[in-house]
Amino acid sequence: MPARRITITDIARESGASPTTVSLVLRDKPGIGAETRDRVLAAAQSLGYERKSPSSVRSDHEVTTVAILF
């Protein structure tokens, strides 16, 4: 049986940070203090979190419809 995937909620619970903060840290966004960032990353590592491969992550700006004109 495959292991359960680690979620942002799991990391938030382990690190004591909010899910929003965990998301910002994992996406390497600015505005998060170094201590909090380190705590979140340590929790993610201890839980065995692995990022999805870039090919499986859909960008917010990715085009999902193709039109063919004749």
PDB file of N, CA and C in Angstrom:
ATOM      1  N   MET A   1       0.848  -1.183   0.000  1.00  0.00           N
ATOM      2  CA  MET A   1       0.000   0.000   0.000  1.00  0.00           C
ATOM      3  C   MET A   1       0.892   1.244   0.000  1.00  0.00           C
ATOM      4  N   PRO A   2       0.656   2.194  -0.927  1.00  0.00           N
ATOM      5  CA  PRO A   2       1.499   3.395  -0.972  1.00  0.00           C
ATOM      6  C   PRO A   2       1.306   4.263   0.268  1.00  0.00           C
ATOM      7  N   ALA A   3       2.366   4.960   0.611  1.00  0.00           N
ATOM      8  CA  ALA A   3       2.312   5.864   1.766  1.00  0.00           C
ATOM      9  C   ALA A   3       1.388   7.040   1.457  1.00  0.00           C
ATOM     10  N   ARG A   4       0.747   7.552   2.484  1.00  0.00           N
ATOM     11  CA  ARG A   4      -0.133   8.710   2.325  1.00  0.00           C
ATOM     12  C   ARG A   4       0.700   9.929   1.962  1.00  0.00           C
ATOM     13  N   ARG A   5       0.201  10.726   1.035  1.00  0.00           N
ATOM     14  CA  ARG A   5       0.909  11.933   0.610  1.00  0.00           C
ATOM     15  C   ARG A   5       0.879  12.972   1.729  1.00  0.00           C
ATOM     16  N   ILE A   6       1.995  13.645   1.947  1.00  0.00           N
ATOM     17  CA  ILE A   6       2.098  14.696   2.959  1.00  0.00           C
ATOM     18  C   ILE A   6       1.416  15.946   2.421  1.00  0.00           C
ATOM     19  N   THR A   7       0.567  16.572   3.244  1.00  0.00           N
ATOM     20  CA  THR A   7      -0.169  17.758   2.808  1.00  0.00           C
ATOM     21  C   THR A   7       0.349  19.010   3.514  1.00  0.00           C
ATOM     22  N   ILE A   8      -0.064  20.150   3.002  1.00  0.00           N
ATOM     23  CA  ILE A   8       0.270  21.430   3.638  1.00  0.00           C
ATOM     24  C   ILE A   8      -0.275  21.462   5.061  1.00  0.00           C
ATOM     25  N   THR A   9      -1.457  20.887   5.260  1.00  0.00           N
ATOM     26  CA  THR A   9      -2.048  20.840   6.601  1.00  0.00           C
ATOM     27  C   THR A   9      -1.175  20.032   7.553  1.00  0.00           C
ATOM     28  N   ASP A  10      -0.608  18.928   7.082  1.00  0.00           N
ATOM     29  CA  ASP A  10       0.295  18.125   7.914  1.00  0.00           C
ATOM     30  C   ASP A  10       1.507  18.947   8.336  1.00  0.00           C
ATOM     31  N   ILE A  11       2.084  19.657   7.387  1.00  0.00           N
ATOM     32  CA  ILE A  11       3.273  20.466   7.674  1.00  0.00           C
ATOM     33  C   ILE A  11       2.913  21.610   8.612  1.00  0.00           C
ATOM     34  N   ALA A  12       1.755  22.222   8.402  1.00  0.00           N
ATOM     35  CA  ALA A  12       1.306  23.317   9.273  1.00  0.00           C
ATOM     36  C   ALA A  12       1.152  22.822  10.707  1.00  0.00           C
ATOM     37  N   ARG A  13       0.518  21.680  10.866  1.00  0.00           N
ATOM     38  CA  ARG A  13       0.319  21.110  12.201  1.00  0.00           C
ATOM     39  C   ARG A  13       1.666  20.830  12.879  1.00  0.00           C
ATOM     40  N   GLU A  14       2.586  20.250  12.139  1.00  0.00           N
ATOM     41  CA  GLU A  14       3.905  19.884  12.683  1.00  0.00           C
ATOM     42  C   GLU A  14       4.749  21.108  13.029  1.00  0.00           C
ATOM     43  N   SER A  15       4.646  22.158  12.207  1.00  0.00           N
ATOM     44  CA  SER A  15       5.504  23.333  12.389  1.00  0.00           C
ATOM     45  C   SER A  15       4.887  24.407  13.272  1.00  0.00           C
ATOM     46  N   GLY A  16       3.567  24.333  13.488  1.00  0.00           N
ATOM     47  CA  GLY A  16       2.893  25.369  14.258  1.00  0.00           C
ATOM     48  C   GLY A  16       2.594  26.619  13.446  1.00  0.00           C
ATOM     49  N   ALA A  17       2.730  26.522  12.138  1.00  0.00           N
ATOM     50  CA  ALA A  17       2.440  27.651  11.243  1.00  0.00           C
ATOM     51  C   ALA A  17       1.076  27.430  10.598  1.00  0.00           C
ATOM     52  N   SER A  18       0.541  28.464   9.984  1.00  0.00           N
ATOM     53  CA  SER A  18      -0.742  28.326   9.286  1.00  0.00           C
ATOM     54  C   SER A  18      -0.510  27.653   7.928  1.00  0.00           C
ATOM     55  N   PRO A  19      -1.540  27.028   7.376  1.00  0.00           N
ATOM     56  CA  PRO A  19      -1.405  26.457   6.029  1.00  0.00           C
ATOM     57  C   PRO A  19      -1.000  27.502   4.987  1.00  0.00           C
ATOM     58  N   THR A  20      -1.477  28.721   5.139  1.00  0.00           N
ATOM     59  CA  THR A  20      -1.095  29.789   4.207  1.00  0.00           C
ATOM     60  C   THR A  20       0.400  30.059   4.281  1.00  0.00           C
ATOM     61  N   THR A  21       0.930  30.134   5.500  1.00  0.00           N
ATOM     62  CA  THR A  21       2.368  30.366   5.679  1.00  0.00           C
ATOM     63  C   THR A  21       3.167  29.219   5.080  1.00  0.00           C
ATOM     64  N   VAL A  22       2.727  27.990   5.315  1.00  0.00           N
ATOM     65  CA  VAL A  22       3.419  26.825   4.752  1.00  0.00           C
ATOM     66  C   VAL A  22       3.436  26.918   3.229  1.00  0.00           C
ATOM     67  N   SER A  23       2.314  27.260   2.636  1.00  0.00           N
ATOM     68  CA  SER A  23       2.239  27.397   1.185  1.00  0.00           C
ATOM     69  C   SER A  23       3.218  28.444   0.676  1.00  0.00           C
ATOM     70  N   LEU A  24       3.273  29.582   1.346  1.00  0.00           N
ATOM     71  CA  LEU A  24       4.196  30.647   0.934  1.00  0.00           C
ATOM     72  C   LEU A  24       5.648  30.192   1.037  1.00  0.00           C
ATOM     73  N   VAL A  25       5.973  29.493   2.112  1.00  0.00           N
ATOM     74  CA  VAL A  25       7.350  29.005   2.290  1.00  0.00           C
ATOM     75  C   VAL A  25       7.696  27.996   1.200  1.00  0.00           C
ATOM     76  N   LEU A  26       6.810  27.043   0.958  1.00  0.00           N
ATOM     77  CA  LEU A  26       7.098  26.001  -0.026  1.00  0.00           C
ATOM     78  C   LEU A  26       7.204  26.550  -1.445  1.00  0.00           C
ATOM     79  N   ARG A  27       6.556  27.687  -1.705  1.00  0.00           N
ATOM     80  CA  ARG A  27       6.655  28.330  -3.018  1.00  0.00           C
ATOM     81  C   ARG A  27       7.739  29.394  -3.037  1.00  0.00           C
ATOM     82  N   ASP A  28       8.511  29.490  -1.949  1.00  0.00           N
ATOM     83  CA  ASP A  28       9.643  30.411  -1.829  1.00  0.00           C
ATOM     84  C   ASP A  28       9.236  31.867  -2.054  1.00  0.00           C
ATOM     85  N   LYS A  29       8.093  32.244  -1.491  1.00  0.00           N
ATOM     86  CA  LYS A  29       7.605  33.620  -1.599  1.00  0.00           C
ATOM     87  C   LYS A  29       8.218  34.476  -0.489  1.00  0.00           C
ATOM     88  N   PRO A  30       8.366  35.768  -0.721  1.00  0.00           N
ATOM     89  CA  PRO A  30       8.935  36.664   0.295  1.00  0.00           C
ATOM     90  C   PRO A  30       7.922  36.981   1.393  1.00  0.00           C
ATOM     91  N   GLY A  31       8.417  37.591   2.464  1.00  0.00           N
ATOM     92  CA  GLY A  31       7.544  38.071   3.529  1.00  0.00           C
ATOM     93  C   GLY A  31       7.406  37.138   4.711  1.00  0.00           C
ATOM     94  N   ILE A  32       8.141  36.049   4.717  1.00  0.00           N
ATOM     95  CA  ILE A  32       8.104  35.107   5.837  1.00  0.00           C
ATOM     96  C   ILE A  32       9.441  35.197   6.558  1.00  0.00           C
ATOM     97  N   GLY A  33       9.394  35.341   7.876  1.00  0.00           N
ATOM     98  CA  GLY A  33      10.615  35.458   8.672  1.00  0.00           C
ATOM     99  C   GLY A  33      11.489  34.222   8.565  1.00  0.00           C
ATOM    100  N   ALA A  34      12.783  34.418   8.737  1.00  0.00           N
ATOM    101  CA  ALA A  34      13.750  33.327   8.596  1.00  0.00           C
ATOM    102  C   ALA A  34      13.479  32.198   9.588  1.00  0.00           C
ATOM    103  N   GLU A  35      13.137  32.541  10.817  1.00  0.00           N
ATOM    104  CA  GLU A  35      12.885  31.510  11.834  1.00  0.00           C
ATOM    105  C   GLU A  35      11.668  30.659  11.453  1.00  0.00           C
ATOM    106  N   THR A  36      10.615  31.320  11.011  1.00  0.00           N
ATOM    107  CA  THR A  36       9.404  30.598  10.597  1.00  0.00           C
ATOM    108  C   THR A  36       9.690  29.743   9.374  1.00  0.00           C
ATOM    109  N   ARG A  37      10.395  30.318   8.394  1.00  0.00           N
ATOM    110  CA  ARG A  37      10.750  29.579   7.177  1.00  0.00           C
ATOM    111  C   ARG A  37      11.546  28.323   7.532  1.00  0.00           C
ATOM    112  N   ASP A  38      12.539  28.474   8.413  1.00  0.00           N
ATOM    113  CA  ASP A  38      13.363  27.328   8.817  1.00  0.00           C
ATOM    114  C   ASP A  38      12.525  26.264   9.524  1.00  0.00           C
ATOM    115  N   ARG A  39      11.593  26.700  10.373  1.00  0.00           N
ATOM    116  CA  ARG A  39      10.739  25.767  11.117  1.00  0.00           C
ATOM    117  C   ARG A  39       9.833  24.984  10.156  1.00  0.00           C
ATOM    118  N   VAL A  40       9.268  25.674   9.182  1.00  0.00           N
ATOM    119  CA  VAL A  40       8.391  25.020   8.201  1.00  0.00           C
ATOM    120  C   VAL A  40       9.186  24.038   7.341  1.00  0.00           C
ATOM    121  N   LEU A  41      10.345  24.458   6.865  1.00  0.00           N
ATOM    122  CA  LEU A  41      11.162  23.576   6.027  1.00  0.00           C
ATOM    123  C   LEU A  41      11.652  22.356   6.800  1.00  0.00           C
ATOM    124  N   ALA A  42      11.991  22.548   8.076  1.00  0.00           N
ATOM    125  CA  ALA A  42      12.416  21.425   8.917  1.00  0.00           C
ATOM    126  C   ALA A  42      11.263  20.439   9.111  1.00  0.00           C
ATOM    127  N   ALA A  43      10.060  20.959   9.336  1.00  0.00           N
ATOM    128  CA  ALA A  43       8.888  20.093   9.499  1.00  0.00           C
ATOM    129  C   ALA A  43       8.609  19.329   8.208  1.00  0.00           C
ATOM    130  N   ALA A  44       8.696  20.016   7.080  1.00  0.00           N
ATOM    131  CA  ALA A  44       8.456  19.369   5.787  1.00  0.00           C
ATOM    132  C   ALA A  44       9.454  18.236   5.563  1.00  0.00           C
ATOM    133  N   GLN A  45      10.694  18.495   5.880  1.00  0.00           N
ATOM    134  CA  GLN A  45      11.731  17.478   5.695  1.00  0.00           C
ATOM    135  C   GLN A  45      11.516  16.302   6.640  1.00  0.00           C
ATOM    136  N   SER A  46      11.196  16.576   7.894  1.00  0.00           N
ATOM    137  CA  SER A  46      11.019  15.489   8.866  1.00  0.00           C
ATOM    138  C   SER A  46       9.814  14.610   8.524  1.00  0.00           C
ATOM    139  N   LEU A  47       8.814  15.191   7.868  1.00  0.00           N
ATOM    140  CA  LEU A  47       7.635  14.419   7.458  1.00  0.00           C
ATOM    141  C   LEU A  47       7.849  13.679   6.137  1.00  0.00           C
ATOM    142  N   GLY A  48       8.932  14.009   5.438  1.00  0.00           N
ATOM    143  CA  GLY A  48       9.220  13.366   4.162  1.00  0.00           C
ATOM    144  C   GLY A  48       8.503  13.998   2.984  1.00  0.00           C
ATOM    145  N   TYR A  49       8.181  15.290   3.104  1.00  0.00           N
ATOM    146  CA  TYR A  49       7.491  16.002   2.027  1.00  0.00           C
ATOM    147  C   TYR A  49       8.369  16.058   0.787  1.00  0.00           C
ATOM    148  N   GLU A  50       7.761  15.782  -0.364  1.00  0.00           N
ATOM    149  CA  GLU A  50       8.447  15.910  -1.651  1.00  0.00           C
ATOM    150  C   GLU A  50       7.575  16.746  -2.567  1.00  0.00           C
ATOM    151  N   ARG A  51       8.188  17.723  -3.214  1.00  0.00           N
ATOM    152  CA  ARG A  51       7.447  18.560  -4.167  1.00  0.00           C
ATOM    153  C   ARG A  51       7.027  17.726  -5.355  1.00  0.00           C
ATOM    154  N   LYS A  52       5.896  18.082  -5.922  1.00  0.00           N
ATOM    155  CA  LYS A  52       5.480  17.448  -7.166  1.00  0.00           C
ATOM    156  C   LYS A  52       6.444  17.885  -8.256  1.00  0.00           C
ATOM    157  N   SER A  53       6.607  17.043  -9.265  1.00  0.00           N
ATOM    158  CA  SER A  53       7.470  17.431 -10.374  1.00  0.00           C
ATOM    159  C   SER A  53       6.819  18.593 -11.115  1.00  0.00           C
ATOM    160  N   PRO A  54       7.623  19.490 -11.674  1.00  0.00           N
ATOM    161  CA  PRO A  54       7.057  20.661 -12.359  1.00  0.00           C
ATOM    162  C   PRO A  54       6.049  20.303 -13.448  1.00  0.00           C
ATOM    163  N   SER A  55       6.218  19.159 -14.088  1.00  0.00           N
ATOM    164  CA  SER A  55       5.290  18.787 -15.156  1.00  0.00           C
ATOM    165  C   SER A  55       3.903  18.439 -14.627  1.00  0.00           C
ATOM    166  N   SER A  56       3.796  18.102 -13.329  1.00  0.00           N
ATOM    167  CA  SER A  56       2.486  17.743 -12.783  1.00  0.00           C
ATOM    168  C   SER A  56       1.812  18.901 -12.066  1.00  0.00           C
ATOM    169  N   VAL A  57       2.484  20.040 -11.993  1.00  0.00           N
ATOM    170  CA  VAL A  57       1.923  21.207 -11.317  1.00  0.00           C
ATOM    171  C   VAL A  57       1.413  22.179 -12.372  1.00  0.00           C
ATOM    172  N   ARG A  58       0.119  22.484 -12.319  1.00  0.00           N
ATOM    173  CA  ARG A  58      -0.474  23.386 -13.308  1.00  0.00           C
ATOM    174  C   ARG A  58      -0.298  24.824 -12.856  1.00  0.00           C
ATOM    175  N   SER A  59       0.282  25.629 -13.711  1.00  0.00           N
ATOM    176  CA  SER A  59       0.451  27.053 -13.441  1.00  0.00           C
ATOM    177  C   SER A  59      -0.899  27.746 -13.497  1.00  0.00           C
ATOM    178  N   ASP A  60      -1.063  28.799 -12.703  1.00  0.00           N
ATOM    179  CA  ASP A  60      -2.299  29.576 -12.751  1.00  0.00           C
ATOM    180  C   ASP A  60      -2.500  30.229 -14.111  1.00  0.00           C
ATOM    181  N   HIS A  61      -1.420  30.368 -14.862  1.00  0.00           N
ATOM    182  CA  HIS A  61      -1.488  31.052 -16.149  1.00  0.00           C
ATOM    183  C   HIS A  61      -1.396  30.077 -17.319  1.00  0.00           C
ATOM    184  N   GLU A  62      -1.435  28.808 -17.032  1.00  0.00           N
ATOM    185  CA  GLU A  62      -1.310  27.806 -18.079  1.00  0.00           C
ATOM    186  C   GLU A  62      -2.583  27.764 -18.922  1.00  0.00           C
ATOM    187  N   VAL A  63      -2.396  27.682 -20.208  1.00  0.00           N
ATOM    188  CA  VAL A  63      -3.532  27.589 -21.120  1.00  0.00           C
ATOM    189  C   VAL A  63      -4.013  26.145 -21.128  1.00  0.00           C
ATOM    190  N   THR A  64      -5.291  25.947 -20.897  1.00  0.00           N
ATOM    191  CA  THR A  64      -5.833  24.591 -20.868  1.00  0.00           C
ATOM    192  C   THR A  64      -6.769  24.308 -22.036  1.00  0.00           C
ATOM    193  N   THR A  65      -6.955  25.272 -22.927  1.00  0.00           N
ATOM    194  CA  THR A  65      -7.824  25.106 -24.085  1.00  0.00           C
ATOM    195  C   THR A  65      -7.047  25.471 -25.341  1.00  0.00           C
ATOM    196  N   VAL A  66      -7.219  24.673 -26.362  1.00  0.00           N
ATOM    197  CA  VAL A  66      -6.557  24.938 -27.635  1.00  0.00           C
ATOM    198  C   VAL A  66      -7.643  25.100 -28.693  1.00  0.00           C
ATOM    199  N   ALA A  67      -7.534  26.133 -29.492  1.00  0.00           N
ATOM    200  CA  ALA A  67      -8.487  26.360 -30.583  1.00  0.00           C
ATOM    201  C   ALA A  67      -7.777  26.110 -31.904  1.00  0.00           C
ATOM    202  N   ILE A  68      -8.458  25.437 -32.798  1.00  0.00           N
ATOM    203  CA  ILE A  68      -7.908  25.189 -34.128  1.00  0.00           C
ATOM    204  C   ILE A  68      -8.791  25.928 -35.118  1.00  0.00           C
ATOM    205  N   LEU A  69      -8.178  26.824 -35.874  1.00  0.00           N
ATOM    206  CA  LEU A  69      -8.916  27.634 -36.843  1.00  0.00           C
ATOM    207  C   LEU A  69      -8.576  27.178 -38.251  1.00  0.00           C
ATOM    208  N   PHE A  70      -9.591  27.098 -39.115  1.00  0.00           N
ATOM    209  CA  PHE A  70      -9.377  26.695 -40.508  1.00  0.00           C
ATOM    210  C   PHE A  70      -9.585  27.857 -41.421  1.00  0.00           C
TER     211      PHE A  70
END
